[in-house]
Amino acid sequence: MPFGGLSIGELILIFAVLLLLFGPKRLPELAAGVGKGIRDFKRSLNGLDDRPLSPTGGHAAFPANPAPATTGPTPAAPADSAPVAAPPEQLLG
Protein backbone atom coordinates (compact mmCIF):
# COMPACT_ATOMS: atom_id res chain seq x y z
CA MET A 1 0.00 0.00 0.00
CA PRO A 2 2.44 2.68 -1.08
CA PHE A 3 -0.08 5.33 -2.19
CA GLY A 4 -2.61 5.72 0.60
CA GLY A 5 -4.22 2.31 0.29
CA LEU A 6 -4.06 1.93 -3.52
CA SER A 7 -2.40 -1.20 -4.83
CA ILE A 8 -0.27 -1.37 -7.98
CA GLY A 9 -3.14 -2.97 -9.92
CA GLU A 10 -5.51 -0.15 -8.99
CA LEU A 11 -2.94 2.47 -10.02
CA ILE A 12 -2.48 0.77 -13.41
CA LEU A 13 -6.25 0.70 -13.92
CA ILE A 14 -6.55 4.41 -13.06
CA PHE A 15 -3.70 5.24 -15.45
CA ALA A 16 -5.32 3.19 -18.25
CA VAL A 17 -8.66 4.99 -17.81
CA LEU A 18 -6.92 8.38 -17.86
CA LEU A 19 -5.02 7.34 -20.98
CA LEU A 20 -8.27 6.35 -22.70
CA LEU A 21 -10.04 9.56 -21.67
CA PHE A 22 -7.33 12.08 -22.53
CA GLY A 23 -5.07 10.31 -25.03
CA PRO A 24 -1.30 9.95 -25.06
CA LYS A 25 -0.67 13.52 -26.29
CA ARG A 26 -2.88 15.29 -23.76
CA LEU A 27 -1.90 13.27 -20.67
CA PRO A 28 1.58 14.88 -20.14
CA GLU A 29 0.05 18.36 -20.50
CA LEU A 30 -2.58 17.45 -17.92
CA ALA A 31 0.03 16.10 -15.49
CA ALA A 32 2.16 19.24 -15.90
CA GLY A 33 -0.88 21.43 -15.20
CA VAL A 34 -1.73 19.45 -12.06
CA GLY A 35 1.88 19.69 -10.85
CA LYS A 36 1.94 23.46 -11.42
CA GLY A 37 -1.33 23.83 -9.54
CA ILE A 38 0.01 21.87 -6.57
CA ARG A 39 3.21 23.97 -6.51
CA ASP A 40 1.21 27.21 -6.60
CA PHE A 41 -1.04 25.95 -3.82
CA LYS A 42 1.92 25.02 -1.60
CA ARG A 43 3.58 28.36 -2.32
CA SER A 44 0.47 30.26 -1.27
CA LEU A 45 0.20 28.19 1.92
CA ASN A 46 3.78 29.08 2.83
CA GLY A 47 3.11 32.78 2.34
CA LEU A 48 5.43 33.08 -0.65
CA ASP A 49 2.85 34.73 -2.85
CA ASP A 50 3.52 37.57 -5.26
CA ARG A 51 4.39 40.24 -2.70
CA PRO A 52 7.16 42.55 -3.93
CA LEU A 53 10.62 42.03 -2.52
CA SER A 54 12.07 44.65 -0.20
CA PRO A 55 15.57 46.10 -0.80
CA THR A 56 16.96 43.78 1.90
CA GLY A 57 15.97 40.73 -0.14
CA GLY A 58 12.97 39.59 1.89
CA HIS A 59 9.32 40.14 1.21
CA ALA A 60 8.03 43.64 1.83
CA ALA A 61 5.73 43.77 4.81
CA PHE A 62 2.18 44.92 4.37
CA PRO A 63 1.42 48.21 6.15
CA ALA A 64 0.22 47.59 9.69
CA ASN A 65 -2.43 50.33 9.55
CA PRO A 66 -3.59 51.05 6.03
CA ALA A 67 -5.00 54.51 5.36
CA PRO A 68 -8.76 54.65 5.94
CA ALA A 69 -10.92 55.12 2.90
CA THR A 70 -12.31 58.62 2.60
CA THR A 71 -15.98 58.75 1.69
CA GLY A 72 -16.50 62.47 2.09
CA PRO A 73 -17.31 64.84 4.93
CA THR A 74 -19.85 63.70 7.49
CA PRO A 75 -22.55 66.22 8.37
CA ALA A 76 -22.27 67.69 11.86
CA ALA A 77 -25.25 67.36 14.19
CA PRO A 78 -27.01 70.61 15.14
CA ALA A 79 -25.88 71.98 18.51
CA ASP A 80 -29.40 72.19 19.97
CA SER A 81 -30.23 68.51 19.29
CA ALA A 82 -27.58 67.10 21.66
CA PRO A 83 -29.10 65.47 24.78
CA VAL A 84 -28.35 67.25 28.04
CA ALA A 85 -28.17 65.32 31.31
CA ALA A 86 -29.98 66.75 34.31
CA PRO A 87 -27.84 67.81 37.30
CA PRO A 88 -27.73 65.23 40.12
CA GLU A 89 -29.57 67.59 42.50
CA GLN A 90 -32.68 67.52 40.33
CA LEU A 91 -32.66 63.73 40.09
CA LEU A 92 -32.53 63.15 43.87
CA GLY A 93 -35.30 65.70 44.38
PDB file of N, CA and C in Angstrom:
ATOM      1  N   MET A   1       0.821  -1.200   0.000  1.00  0.00           N
ATOM      2  CA  MET A   1       0.000   0.000   0.000  1.00  0.00           C
ATOM      3  C   MET A   1       0.862   1.260   0.000  1.00  0.00           C
ATOM      4  N   PRO A   2       1.548   1.527  -1.068  1.00  0.00           N
ATOM      5  CA  PRO A   2       2.436   2.682  -1.080  1.00  0.00           C
ATOM      6  C   PRO A   2       1.736   4.021  -1.253  1.00  0.00           C
ATOM      7  N   PHE A   3       0.574   4.061  -1.878  1.00  0.00           N
ATOM      8  CA  PHE A   3      -0.079   5.330  -2.185  1.00  0.00           C
ATOM      9  C   PHE A   3      -1.413   5.455  -1.479  1.00  0.00           C
ATOM     10  N   GLY A   4      -1.402   5.485  -0.171  1.00  0.00           N
ATOM     11  CA  GLY A   4      -2.612   5.719   0.604  1.00  0.00           C
ATOM     12  C   GLY A   4      -3.655   4.630   0.450  1.00  0.00           C
ATOM     13  N   GLY A   5      -3.263   3.399   0.357  1.00  0.00           N
ATOM     14  CA  GLY A   5      -4.220   2.309   0.288  1.00  0.00           C
ATOM     15  C   GLY A   5      -4.508   1.829  -1.128  1.00  0.00           C
ATOM     16  N   LEU A   6      -3.862   2.388  -2.148  1.00  0.00           N
ATOM     17  CA  LEU A   6      -4.062   1.935  -3.522  1.00  0.00           C
ATOM     18  C   LEU A   6      -2.970   0.932  -3.877  1.00  0.00           C
ATOM     19  N   SER A   7      -3.380  -0.202  -4.426  1.00  0.00           N
ATOM     20  CA  SER A   7      -2.395  -1.197  -4.827  1.00  0.00           C
ATOM     21  C   SER A   7      -1.871  -0.864  -6.219  1.00  0.00           C
ATOM     22  N   ILE A   8      -0.866  -1.600  -6.664  1.00  0.00           N
ATOM     23  CA  ILE A   8      -0.270  -1.375  -7.976  1.00  0.00           C
ATOM     24  C   ILE A   8      -1.302  -1.631  -9.079  1.00  0.00           C
ATOM     25  N   GLY A   9      -2.110  -2.665  -8.917  1.00  0.00           N
ATOM     26  CA  GLY A   9      -3.136  -2.973  -9.917  1.00  0.00           C
ATOM     27  C   GLY A   9      -4.155  -1.853 -10.062  1.00  0.00           C
ATOM     28  N   GLU A  10      -4.554  -1.265  -8.942  1.00  0.00           N
ATOM     29  CA  GLU A  10      -5.509  -0.152  -8.994  1.00  0.00           C
ATOM     30  C   GLU A  10      -4.892   1.076  -9.656  1.00  0.00           C
ATOM     31  N   LEU A  11      -3.617   1.343  -9.383  1.00  0.00           N
ATOM     32  CA  LEU A  11      -2.938   2.474 -10.018  1.00  0.00           C
ATOM     33  C   LEU A  11      -2.831   2.282 -11.532  1.00  0.00           C
ATOM     34  N   ILE A  12      -2.547   1.052 -11.971  1.00  0.00           N
ATOM     35  CA  ILE A  12      -2.478   0.768 -13.410  1.00  0.00           C
ATOM     36  C   ILE A  12      -3.842   0.959 -14.055  1.00  0.00           C
ATOM     37  N   LEU A  13      -4.899   0.529 -13.391  1.00  0.00           N
ATOM     38  CA  LEU A  13      -6.251   0.698 -13.916  1.00  0.00           C
ATOM     39  C   LEU A  13      -6.610   2.184 -14.031  1.00  0.00           C
ATOM     40  N   ILE A  14      -6.277   2.969 -13.023  1.00  0.00           N
ATOM     41  CA  ILE A  14      -6.553   4.412 -13.061  1.00  0.00           C
ATOM     42  C   ILE A  14      -5.771   5.064 -14.196  1.00  0.00           C
ATOM     43  N   PHE A  15      -4.508   4.687 -14.371  1.00  0.00           N
ATOM     44  CA  PHE A  15      -3.700   5.242 -15.453  1.00  0.00           C
ATOM     45  C   PHE A  15      -4.269   4.866 -16.815  1.00  0.00           C
ATOM     46  N   ALA A  16      -4.743   3.624 -16.972  1.00  0.00           N
ATOM     47  CA  ALA A  16      -5.319   3.187 -18.247  1.00  0.00           C
ATOM     48  C   ALA A  16      -6.590   3.967 -18.571  1.00  0.00           C
ATOM     49  N   VAL A  17      -7.433   4.214 -17.580  1.00  0.00           N
ATOM     50  CA  VAL A  17      -8.657   4.987 -17.805  1.00  0.00           C
ATOM     51  C   VAL A  17      -8.307   6.422 -18.192  1.00  0.00           C
ATOM     52  N   LEU A  18      -7.344   7.023 -17.504  1.00  0.00           N
ATOM     53  CA  LEU A  18      -6.918   8.378 -17.858  1.00  0.00           C
ATOM     54  C   LEU A  18      -6.336   8.430 -19.267  1.00  0.00           C
ATOM     55  N   LEU A  19      -5.596   7.403 -19.648  1.00  0.00           N
ATOM     56  CA  LEU A  19      -5.019   7.344 -20.983  1.00  0.00           C
ATOM     57  C   LEU A  19      -6.106   7.238 -22.041  1.00  0.00           C
ATOM     58  N   LEU A  20      -7.151   6.459 -21.761  1.00  0.00           N
ATOM     59  CA  LEU A  20      -8.268   6.349 -22.703  1.00  0.00           C
ATOM     60  C   LEU A  20      -9.057   7.650 -22.797  1.00  0.00           C
ATOM     61  N   LEU A  21      -9.244   8.326 -21.675  1.00  0.00           N
ATOM     62  CA  LEU A  21     -10.037   9.557 -21.673  1.00  0.00           C
ATOM     63  C   LEU A  21      -9.315  10.715 -22.358  1.00  0.00           C
ATOM     64  N   PHE A  22      -8.042  10.895 -22.075  1.00  0.00           N
ATOM     65  CA  PHE A  22      -7.333  12.081 -22.535  1.00  0.00           C
ATOM     66  C   PHE A  22      -6.384  11.829 -23.702  1.00  0.00           C
ATOM     67  N   GLY A  23      -5.980  10.606 -23.936  1.00  0.00           N
ATOM     68  CA  GLY A  23      -5.072  10.310 -25.033  1.00  0.00           C
ATOM     69  C   GLY A  23      -3.625  10.501 -24.639  1.00  0.00           C
ATOM     70  N   PRO A  24      -2.722   9.894 -25.421  1.00  0.00           N
ATOM     71  CA  PRO A  24      -1.298   9.952 -25.063  1.00  0.00           C
ATOM     72  C   PRO A  24      -0.671  11.334 -25.244  1.00  0.00           C
ATOM     73  N   LYS A  25      -1.244  12.190 -26.097  1.00  0.00           N
ATOM     74  CA  LYS A  25      -0.666  13.521 -26.294  1.00  0.00           C
ATOM     75  C   LYS A  25      -1.110  14.495 -25.215  1.00  0.00           C
ATOM     76  N   ARG A  26      -2.314  14.338 -24.725  1.00  0.00           N
ATOM     77  CA  ARG A  26      -2.879  15.293 -23.764  1.00  0.00           C
ATOM     78  C   ARG A  26      -2.489  14.953 -22.323  1.00  0.00           C
ATOM     79  N   LEU A  27      -2.183  13.703 -22.039  1.00  0.00           N
ATOM     80  CA  LEU A  27      -1.901  13.274 -20.666  1.00  0.00           C
ATOM     81  C   LEU A  27      -0.680  13.974 -20.050  1.00  0.00           C
ATOM     82  N   PRO A  28       0.453  14.144 -20.746  1.00  0.00           N
ATOM     83  CA  PRO A  28       1.576  14.881 -20.139  1.00  0.00           C
ATOM     84  C   PRO A  28       1.241  16.345 -19.851  1.00  0.00           C
ATOM     85  N   GLU A  29       0.458  16.971 -20.742  1.00  0.00           N
ATOM     86  CA  GLU A  29       0.047  18.355 -20.497  1.00  0.00           C
ATOM     87  C   GLU A  29      -0.821  18.446 -19.248  1.00  0.00           C
ATOM     88  N   LEU A  30      -1.707  17.478 -19.089  1.00  0.00           N
ATOM     89  CA  LEU A  30      -2.585  17.450 -17.922  1.00  0.00           C
ATOM     90  C   LEU A  30      -1.777  17.256 -16.640  1.00  0.00           C
ATOM     91  N   ALA A  31      -0.802  16.344 -16.673  1.00  0.00           N
ATOM     92  CA  ALA A  31       0.031  16.097 -15.491  1.00  0.00           C
ATOM     93  C   ALA A  31       0.864  17.330 -15.144  1.00  0.00           C
ATOM     94  N   ALA A  32       1.376  18.027 -16.159  1.00  0.00           N
ATOM     95  CA  ALA A  32       2.157  19.241 -15.899  1.00  0.00           C
ATOM     96  C   ALA A  32       1.274  20.323 -15.286  1.00  0.00           C
ATOM     97  N   GLY A  33       0.046  20.441 -15.759  1.00  0.00           N
ATOM     98  CA  GLY A  33      -0.881  21.427 -15.196  1.00  0.00           C
ATOM     99  C   GLY A  33      -1.228  21.121 -13.752  1.00  0.00           C
ATOM    100  N   VAL A  34      -1.425  19.841 -13.438  1.00  0.00           N
ATOM    101  CA  VAL A  34      -1.727  19.448 -12.058  1.00  0.00           C
ATOM    102  C   VAL A  34      -0.522  19.728 -11.160  1.00  0.00           C
ATOM    103  N   GLY A  35       0.676  19.422 -11.638  1.00  0.00           N
ATOM    104  CA  GLY A  35       1.882  19.692 -10.853  1.00  0.00           C
ATOM    105  C   GLY A  35       2.074  21.174 -10.589  1.00  0.00           C
ATOM    106  N   LYS A  36       1.819  22.008 -11.598  1.00  0.00           N
ATOM    107  CA  LYS A  36       1.944  23.456 -11.421  1.00  0.00           C
ATOM    108  C   LYS A  36       0.911  23.962 -10.423  1.00  0.00           C
ATOM    109  N   GLY A  37      -0.291  23.421 -10.489  1.00  0.00           N
ATOM    110  CA  GLY A  37      -1.330  23.828  -9.542  1.00  0.00           C
ATOM    111  C   GLY A  37      -0.972  23.470  -8.110  1.00  0.00           C
ATOM    112  N   ILE A  38      -0.398  22.298  -7.921  1.00  0.00           N
ATOM    113  CA  ILE A  38       0.006  21.874  -6.573  1.00  0.00           C
ATOM    114  C   ILE A  38       1.137  22.761  -6.053  1.00  0.00           C
ATOM    115  N   ARG A  39       2.118  23.082  -6.925  1.00  0.00           N
ATOM    116  CA  ARG A  39       3.212  23.970  -6.508  1.00  0.00           C
ATOM    117  C   ARG A  39       2.692  25.349  -6.122  1.00  0.00           C
ATOM    118  N   ASP A  40       1.781  25.891  -6.921  1.00  0.00           N
ATOM    119  CA  ASP A  40       1.210  27.206  -6.601  1.00  0.00           C
ATOM    120  C   ASP A  40       0.443  27.171  -5.290  1.00  0.00           C
ATOM    121  N   PHE A  41      -0.284  26.084  -5.057  1.00  0.00           N
ATOM    122  CA  PHE A  41      -1.043  25.950  -3.815  1.00  0.00           C
ATOM    123  C   PHE A  41      -0.110  25.896  -2.614  1.00  0.00           C
ATOM    124  N   LYS A  42       0.958  25.108  -2.701  1.00  0.00           N
ATOM    125  CA  LYS A  42       1.919  25.021  -1.598  1.00  0.00           C
ATOM    126  C   LYS A  42       2.608  26.359  -1.366  1.00  0.00           C
ATOM    127  N   ARG A  43       2.932  27.061  -2.445  1.00  0.00           N
ATOM    128  CA  ARG A  43       3.581  28.361  -2.324  1.00  0.00           C
ATOM    129  C   ARG A  43       2.667  29.351  -1.608  1.00  0.00           C
ATOM    130  N   SER A  44       1.391  29.329  -1.926  1.00  0.00           N
ATOM    131  CA  SER A  44       0.470  30.257  -1.265  1.00  0.00           C
ATOM    132  C   SER A  44       0.257  29.879   0.198  1.00  0.00           C
ATOM    133  N   LEU A  45       0.319  28.598   0.523  1.00  0.00           N
ATOM    134  CA  LEU A  45       0.202  28.186   1.923  1.00  0.00           C
ATOM    135  C   LEU A  45       1.407  28.642   2.738  1.00  0.00           C
ATOM    136  N   ASN A  46       2.560  28.671   2.126  1.00  0.00           N
ATOM    137  CA  ASN A  46       3.780  29.082   2.826  1.00  0.00           C
ATOM    138  C   ASN A  46       3.946  30.589   2.878  1.00  0.00           C
ATOM    139  N   GLY A  47       3.029  31.330   2.296  1.00  0.00           N
ATOM    140  CA  GLY A  47       3.115  32.780   2.338  1.00  0.00           C
ATOM    141  C   GLY A  47       4.087  33.365   1.337  1.00  0.00           C
ATOM    142  N   LEU A  48       4.485  32.597   0.349  1.00  0.00           N
ATOM    143  CA  LEU A  48       5.427  33.081  -0.652  1.00  0.00           C
ATOM    144  C   LEU A  48       4.673  33.518  -1.901  1.00  0.00           C
ATOM    145  N   ASP A  49       3.641  34.285  -1.715  1.00  0.00           N
ATOM    146  CA  ASP A  49       2.852  34.734  -2.851  1.00  0.00           C
ATOM    147  C   ASP A  49       3.565  35.865  -3.571  1.00  0.00           C
ATOM    148  N   ASP A  50       2.895  36.584  -4.389  1.00  0.00           N
ATOM    149  CA  ASP A  50       3.522  37.568  -5.259  1.00  0.00           C
ATOM    150  C   ASP A  50       3.710  38.929  -4.602  1.00  0.00           C
ATOM    151  N   ARG A  51       4.084  38.964  -3.348  1.00  0.00           N
ATOM    152  CA  ARG A  51       4.394  40.243  -2.704  1.00  0.00           C
ATOM    153  C   ARG A  51       5.732  40.736  -3.233  1.00  0.00           C
ATOM    154  N   PRO A  52       5.880  42.040  -3.422  1.00  0.00           N
ATOM    155  CA  PRO A  52       7.158  42.552  -3.931  1.00  0.00           C
ATOM    156  C   PRO A  52       8.270  42.376  -2.902  1.00  0.00           C
ATOM    157  N   LEU A  53       9.471  42.195  -3.402  1.00  0.00           N
ATOM    158  CA  LEU A  53      10.625  42.031  -2.516  1.00  0.00           C
ATOM    159  C   LEU A  53      11.097  43.386  -2.016  1.00  0.00           C
ATOM    160  N   SER A  54      11.525  43.423  -0.769  1.00  0.00           N
ATOM    161  CA  SER A  54      12.071  44.652  -0.196  1.00  0.00           C
ATOM    162  C   SER A  54      13.538  44.781  -0.616  1.00  0.00           C
ATOM    163  N   PRO A  55      14.151  45.936  -0.429  1.00  0.00           N
ATOM    164  CA  PRO A  55      15.570  46.102  -0.798  1.00  0.00           C
ATOM    165  C   PRO A  55      16.502  45.166  -0.039  1.00  0.00           C
ATOM    166  N   THR A  56      16.105  44.673   1.131  1.00  0.00           N
ATOM    167  CA  THR A  56      16.965  43.778   1.904  1.00  0.00           C
ATOM    168  C   THR A  56      16.911  42.353   1.387  1.00  0.00           C
ATOM    169  N   GLY A  57      16.024  42.067   0.431  1.00  0.00           N
ATOM    170  CA  GLY A  57      15.966  40.735  -0.140  1.00  0.00           C
ATOM    171  C   GLY A  57      14.783  39.926   0.332  1.00  0.00           C
ATOM    172  N   GLY A  58      14.136  40.310   1.407  1.00  0.00           N
ATOM    173  CA  GLY A  58      12.966  39.590   1.888  1.00  0.00           C
ATOM    174  C   GLY A  58      11.701  40.174   1.303  1.00  0.00           C
ATOM    175  N   HIS A  59      10.594  39.613   1.678  1.00  0.00           N
ATOM    176  CA  HIS A  59       9.319  40.137   1.209  1.00  0.00           C
ATOM    177  C   HIS A  59       8.986  41.423   1.944  1.00  0.00           C
ATOM    178  N   ALA A  60       8.449  42.375   1.222  1.00  0.00           N
ATOM    179  CA  ALA A  60       8.034  43.637   1.832  1.00  0.00           C
ATOM    180  C   ALA A  60       6.826  43.385   2.712  1.00  0.00           C
ATOM    181  N   ALA A  61       6.834  43.960   3.881  1.00  0.00           N
ATOM    182  CA  ALA A  61       5.726  43.772   4.814  1.00  0.00           C
ATOM    183  C   ALA A  61       4.555  44.638   4.387  1.00  0.00           C
ATOM    184  N   PHE A  62       3.369  44.131   4.627  1.00  0.00           N
ATOM    185  CA  PHE A  62       2.181  44.920   4.366  1.00  0.00           C
ATOM    186  C   PHE A  62       2.083  45.997   5.433  1.00  0.00           C
ATOM    187  N   PRO A  63       1.534  47.161   5.126  1.00  0.00           N
ATOM    188  CA  PRO A  63       1.415  48.207   6.146  1.00  0.00           C
ATOM    189  C   PRO A  63       0.533  47.739   7.291  1.00  0.00           C
ATOM    190  N   ALA A  64       0.964  48.041   8.516  1.00  0.00           N
ATOM    191  CA  ALA A  64       0.216  47.594   9.691  1.00  0.00           C
ATOM    192  C   ALA A  64      -1.135  48.279   9.774  1.00  0.00           C
ATOM    193  N   ASN A  65      -1.183  49.568   9.505  1.00  0.00           N
ATOM    194  CA  ASN A  65      -2.429  50.327   9.551  1.00  0.00           C
ATOM    195  C   ASN A  65      -2.630  51.011   8.209  1.00  0.00           C
ATOM    196  N   PRO A  66      -3.383  50.394   7.310  1.00  0.00           N
ATOM    197  CA  PRO A  66      -3.594  51.051   6.027  1.00  0.00           C
ATOM    198  C   PRO A  66      -4.430  52.312   6.201  1.00  0.00           C
ATOM    199  N   ALA A  67      -4.270  53.243   5.293  1.00  0.00           N
ATOM    200  CA  ALA A  67      -5.001  54.508   5.365  1.00  0.00           C
ATOM    201  C   ALA A  67      -6.491  54.242   5.213  1.00  0.00           C
ATOM    202  N   PRO A  68      -7.317  54.873   6.041  1.00  0.00           N
ATOM    203  CA  PRO A  68      -8.760  54.646   5.936  1.00  0.00           C
ATOM    204  C   PRO A  68      -9.293  55.250   4.646  1.00  0.00           C
ATOM    205  N   ALA A  69     -10.312  54.625   4.125  1.00  0.00           N
ATOM    206  CA  ALA A  69     -10.925  55.120   2.901  1.00  0.00           C
ATOM    207  C   ALA A  69     -11.724  56.376   3.209  1.00  0.00           C
ATOM    208  N   THR A  70     -11.563  57.384   2.394  1.00  0.00           N
ATOM    209  CA  THR A  70     -12.311  58.624   2.603  1.00  0.00           C
ATOM    210  C   THR A  70     -13.566  58.582   1.753  1.00  0.00           C
ATOM    211  N   THR A  71     -14.705  58.778   2.398  1.00  0.00           N
ATOM    212  CA  THR A  71     -15.975  58.751   1.689  1.00  0.00           C
ATOM    213  C   THR A  71     -16.579  60.131   1.574  1.00  0.00           C
ATOM    214  N   GLY A  72     -15.979  61.110   2.156  1.00  0.00           N
ATOM    215  CA  GLY A  72     -16.497  62.468   2.092  1.00  0.00           C
ATOM    216  C   GLY A  72     -16.760  62.988   3.488  1.00  0.00           C
ATOM    217  N   PRO A  73     -17.071  64.275   3.596  1.00  0.00           N
ATOM    218  CA  PRO A  73     -17.312  64.843   4.929  1.00  0.00           C
ATOM    219  C   PRO A  73     -18.625  64.336   5.506  1.00  0.00           C
ATOM    220  N   THR A  74     -18.618  64.114   6.812  1.00  0.00           N
ATOM    221  CA  THR A  74     -19.845  63.700   7.492  1.00  0.00           C
ATOM    222  C   THR A  74     -20.537  64.945   8.026  1.00  0.00           C
ATOM    223  N   PRO A  75     -21.845  65.022   7.887  1.00  0.00           N
ATOM    224  CA  PRO A  75     -22.547  66.222   8.368  1.00  0.00           C
ATOM    225  C   PRO A  75     -22.516  66.289   9.890  1.00  0.00           C
ATOM    226  N   ALA A  76     -22.302  67.480  10.413  1.00  0.00           N
ATOM    227  CA  ALA A  76     -22.267  67.686  11.862  1.00  0.00           C
ATOM    228  C   ALA A  76     -23.693  67.799  12.383  1.00  0.00           C
ATOM    229  N   ALA A  77     -23.929  67.276  13.578  1.00  0.00           N
ATOM    230  CA  ALA A  77     -25.253  67.355  14.193  1.00  0.00           C
ATOM    231  C   ALA A  77     -25.487  68.777  14.691  1.00  0.00           C
ATOM    232  N   PRO A  78     -26.725  69.267  14.609  1.00  0.00           N
ATOM    233  CA  PRO A  78     -27.014  70.605  15.144  1.00  0.00           C
ATOM    234  C   PRO A  78     -26.732  70.663  16.640  1.00  0.00           C
ATOM    235  N   ALA A  79     -26.278  71.818  17.110  1.00  0.00           N
ATOM    236  CA  ALA A  79     -25.880  71.976  18.505  1.00  0.00           C
ATOM    237  C   ALA A  79     -27.061  71.836  19.456  1.00  0.00           C
ATOM    238  N   ASP A  80     -28.268  72.227  19.048  1.00  0.00           N
ATOM    239  CA  ASP A  80     -29.399  72.186  19.972  1.00  0.00           C
ATOM    240  C   ASP A  80     -30.033  70.796  20.055  1.00  0.00           C
ATOM    241  N   SER A  81     -29.613  69.835  19.237  1.00  0.00           N
ATOM    242  CA  SER A  81     -30.226  68.513  19.290  1.00  0.00           C
ATOM    243  C   SER A  81     -29.466  67.550  20.198  1.00  0.00           C
ATOM    244  N   ALA A  82     -28.353  67.975  20.792  1.00  0.00           N
ATOM    245  CA  ALA A  82     -27.582  67.100  21.660  1.00  0.00           C
ATOM    246  C   ALA A  82     -28.313  66.925  22.991  1.00  0.00           C
ATOM    247  N   PRO A  83     -28.430  65.687  23.491  1.00  0.00           N
ATOM    248  CA  PRO A  83     -29.100  65.475  24.777  1.00  0.00           C
ATOM    249  C   PRO A  83     -28.287  66.073  25.926  1.00  0.00           C
ATOM    250  N   VAL A  84     -28.983  66.621  26.880  1.00  0.00           N
ATOM    251  CA  VAL A  84     -28.350  67.246  28.039  1.00  0.00           C
ATOM    252  C   VAL A  84     -28.805  66.486  29.272  1.00  0.00           C
ATOM    253  N   ALA A  85     -27.836  66.045  30.081  1.00  0.00           N
ATOM    254  CA  ALA A  85     -28.172  65.321  31.305  1.00  0.00           C
ATOM    255  C   ALA A  85     -28.577  66.310  32.395  1.00  0.00           C
ATOM    256  N   ALA A  86     -29.530  65.903  33.210  1.00  0.00           N
ATOM    257  CA  ALA A  86     -29.984  66.755  34.315  1.00  0.00           C
ATOM    258  C   ALA A  86     -28.955  66.722  35.436  1.00  0.00           C
ATOM    259  N   PRO A  87     -28.765  67.803  36.157  1.00  0.00           N
ATOM    260  CA  PRO A  87     -27.843  67.807  37.295  1.00  0.00           C
ATOM    261  C   PRO A  87     -28.298  66.807  38.360  1.00  0.00           C
ATOM    262  N   PRO A  88     -27.372  66.230  39.113  1.00  0.00           N
ATOM    263  CA  PRO A  88     -27.730  65.226  40.121  1.00  0.00           C
ATOM    264  C   PRO A  88     -28.694  65.755  41.179  1.00  0.00           C
ATOM    265  N   GLU A  89     -28.677  67.050  41.472  1.00  0.00           N
ATOM    266  CA  GLU A  89     -29.568  67.587  42.498  1.00  0.00           C
ATOM    267  C   GLU A  89     -31.026  67.453  42.072  1.00  0.00           C
ATOM    268  N   GLN A  90     -31.303  67.610  40.811  1.00  0.00           N
ATOM    269  CA  GLN A  90     -32.679  67.516  40.331  1.00  0.00           C
ATOM    270  C   GLN A  90     -33.161  66.073  40.329  1.00  0.00           C
ATOM    271  N   LEU A  91     -32.268  65.126  40.133  1.00  0.00           N
ATOM    272  CA  LEU A  91     -32.664  63.730  40.090  1.00  0.00           C
ATOM    273  C   LEU A  91     -33.007  63.203  41.486  1.00  0.00           C
ATOM    274  N   LEU A  92     -32.292  63.649  42.514  1.00  0.00           N
ATOM    275  CA  LEU A  92     -32.526  63.154  43.865  1.00  0.00           C
ATOM    276  C   LEU A  92     -33.743  63.814  44.497  1.00  0.00           C
ATOM    277  N   GLY A  93     -34.130  64.960  44.028  1.00  0.00           N
ATOM    278  CA  GLY A  93     -35.299  65.696  44.376  1.00  0.00           C
ATOM    279  C   GLY A  93     -35.561  66.061  45.715  1.00  0.00           C
TER     280      GLY A  93
END
